[in-house]
Amino acid sequence: MTQAERVQKAVGDFGAAARAKLINSASTGQPEDQLRAPLEALFKALAAEAIPVSIMTMVGEASLADLKARPDYSVTVDKALIGFFEVKAPHAIRTGD
């Protein structure tokens, strides 16, 4: 499988996992929170294309006290902080119907 095919698969897997959580009518939760596990899997799959996944860590609800902010995730590689990201709930889901 080529790198492009692996990335395409990772994005497709993310979409399928997110959709399954977001359209579950038997139990509902906060839409943004439903994206956490699929996003973590996506980031790990994408990171694996460039680095050993074992050296990447995503820490939820990281506090930036100086900025009075709390992004949903901080990301470290080999224990060095490389960035933050905020997850936003999707506004609409395309079901293909």
Protein backbone atom coordinates (compact mmCIF):
# COMPACT_ATOMS: atom_id res chain seq x y z
CA MET A 1 0.00 0.00 0.00
CA THR A 2 1.40 3.42 -0.93
CA GLN A 3 1.63 6.32 1.49
CA ALA A 4 -1.20 8.09 -0.34
CA GLU A 5 -3.37 4.99 0.01
CA ARG A 6 -2.58 4.71 3.72
CA VAL A 7 -3.46 8.36 4.29
CA GLN A 8 -6.66 7.97 2.28
CA LYS A 9 -7.56 4.92 4.38
CA ALA A 10 -6.84 6.77 7.63
CA VAL A 11 -9.08 9.66 6.62
CA GLY A 12 -11.81 7.24 5.52
CA ASP A 13 -11.55 5.31 8.78
CA PHE A 14 -11.85 8.59 10.70
CA GLY A 15 -14.96 9.54 8.75
CA ALA A 16 -16.58 6.16 9.28
CA ALA A 17 -15.80 6.10 13.02
CA ALA A 18 -16.96 9.69 13.55
CA ARG A 19 -20.14 9.13 11.56
CA ALA A 20 -20.98 5.97 13.52
CA LYS A 21 -20.68 7.84 16.81
CA LEU A 22 -22.54 10.94 15.64
CA ILE A 23 -25.55 9.19 14.13
CA ASN A 24 -26.08 6.67 16.94
CA SER A 25 -29.73 7.20 17.88
CA ALA A 26 -29.62 4.73 20.79
CA SER A 27 -27.34 6.97 22.83
CA THR A 28 -26.21 10.52 22.23
CA GLY A 29 -23.46 12.63 23.69
CA GLN A 30 -21.85 15.97 23.03
CA PRO A 31 -20.98 16.02 19.29
CA GLU A 32 -17.51 17.45 19.87
CA ASP A 33 -16.69 14.75 22.39
CA GLN A 34 -17.69 12.03 19.92
CA LEU A 35 -14.78 13.06 17.70
CA ARG A 36 -12.06 12.45 20.30
CA ALA A 37 -11.33 8.74 19.73
CA PRO A 38 -11.60 8.97 15.92
CA LEU A 39 -9.30 12.04 15.91
CA GLU A 40 -6.72 10.33 18.08
CA ALA A 41 -6.71 7.34 15.73
CA LEU A 42 -6.39 9.65 12.71
CA PHE A 43 -3.48 11.58 14.21
CA LYS A 44 -1.68 8.35 15.10
CA ALA A 45 -2.16 6.97 11.59
CA LEU A 46 -0.90 10.19 9.99
CA ALA A 47 2.03 10.48 12.41
CA ALA A 48 3.04 6.91 11.59
CA GLU A 49 3.87 8.11 8.08
CA ALA A 50 6.69 10.28 9.45
CA ILE A 51 7.71 9.18 12.94
CA PRO A 52 7.50 6.20 15.28
CA VAL A 53 3.99 6.55 16.74
CA SER A 54 5.29 5.58 20.17
CA ILE A 55 7.03 8.97 20.51
CA MET A 56 3.86 11.01 19.83
CA THR A 57 1.49 11.79 22.69
CA MET A 58 -1.79 13.66 22.61
CA VAL A 59 -2.82 15.10 25.97
CA GLY A 60 -6.45 16.12 26.37
CA GLU A 61 -7.60 19.40 27.87
CA ALA A 62 -4.13 20.90 28.13
CA SER A 63 -4.10 24.11 30.17
CA LEU A 64 -2.45 27.30 28.95
CA ALA A 65 -2.86 29.30 32.14
CA ASP A 66 -0.86 32.29 30.86
CA LEU A 67 -3.27 32.66 27.94
CA LYS A 68 -6.34 31.69 29.96
CA ALA A 69 -7.07 28.99 27.41
CA ARG A 70 -7.60 25.26 27.43
CA PRO A 71 -7.21 23.70 23.99
CA ASP A 72 -8.69 20.25 23.54
CA TYR A 73 -5.27 18.71 22.92
CA SER A 74 -1.59 19.36 23.18
CA VAL A 75 0.66 17.23 21.01
CA THR A 76 4.17 16.18 21.92
CA VAL A 77 6.78 14.29 19.96
CA ASP A 78 9.59 12.68 21.91
CA LYS A 79 8.44 14.70 24.96
CA ALA A 80 8.78 18.02 23.10
CA LEU A 81 5.66 20.13 22.73
CA ILE A 82 4.86 20.65 19.05
CA GLY A 83 1.44 22.26 19.21
CA PHE A 84 -2.16 22.44 20.28
CA PHE A 85 -5.46 21.91 18.58
CA GLU A 86 -9.09 22.58 19.31
CA VAL A 87 -11.89 20.24 18.27
CA LYS A 88 -15.14 21.75 17.05
CA ALA A 89 -18.46 19.95 16.77
CA PRO A 90 -19.61 19.30 13.25
CA HIS A 91 -22.58 21.40 12.17
CA ALA A 92 -24.05 18.82 9.82
CA ILE A 93 -23.38 15.28 8.81
CA ARG A 94 -23.68 14.24 5.21
CA THR A 95 -25.38 10.87 5.24
CA GLY A 96 -25.37 10.22 1.51
CA ASP A 97 -29.14 9.77 1.51
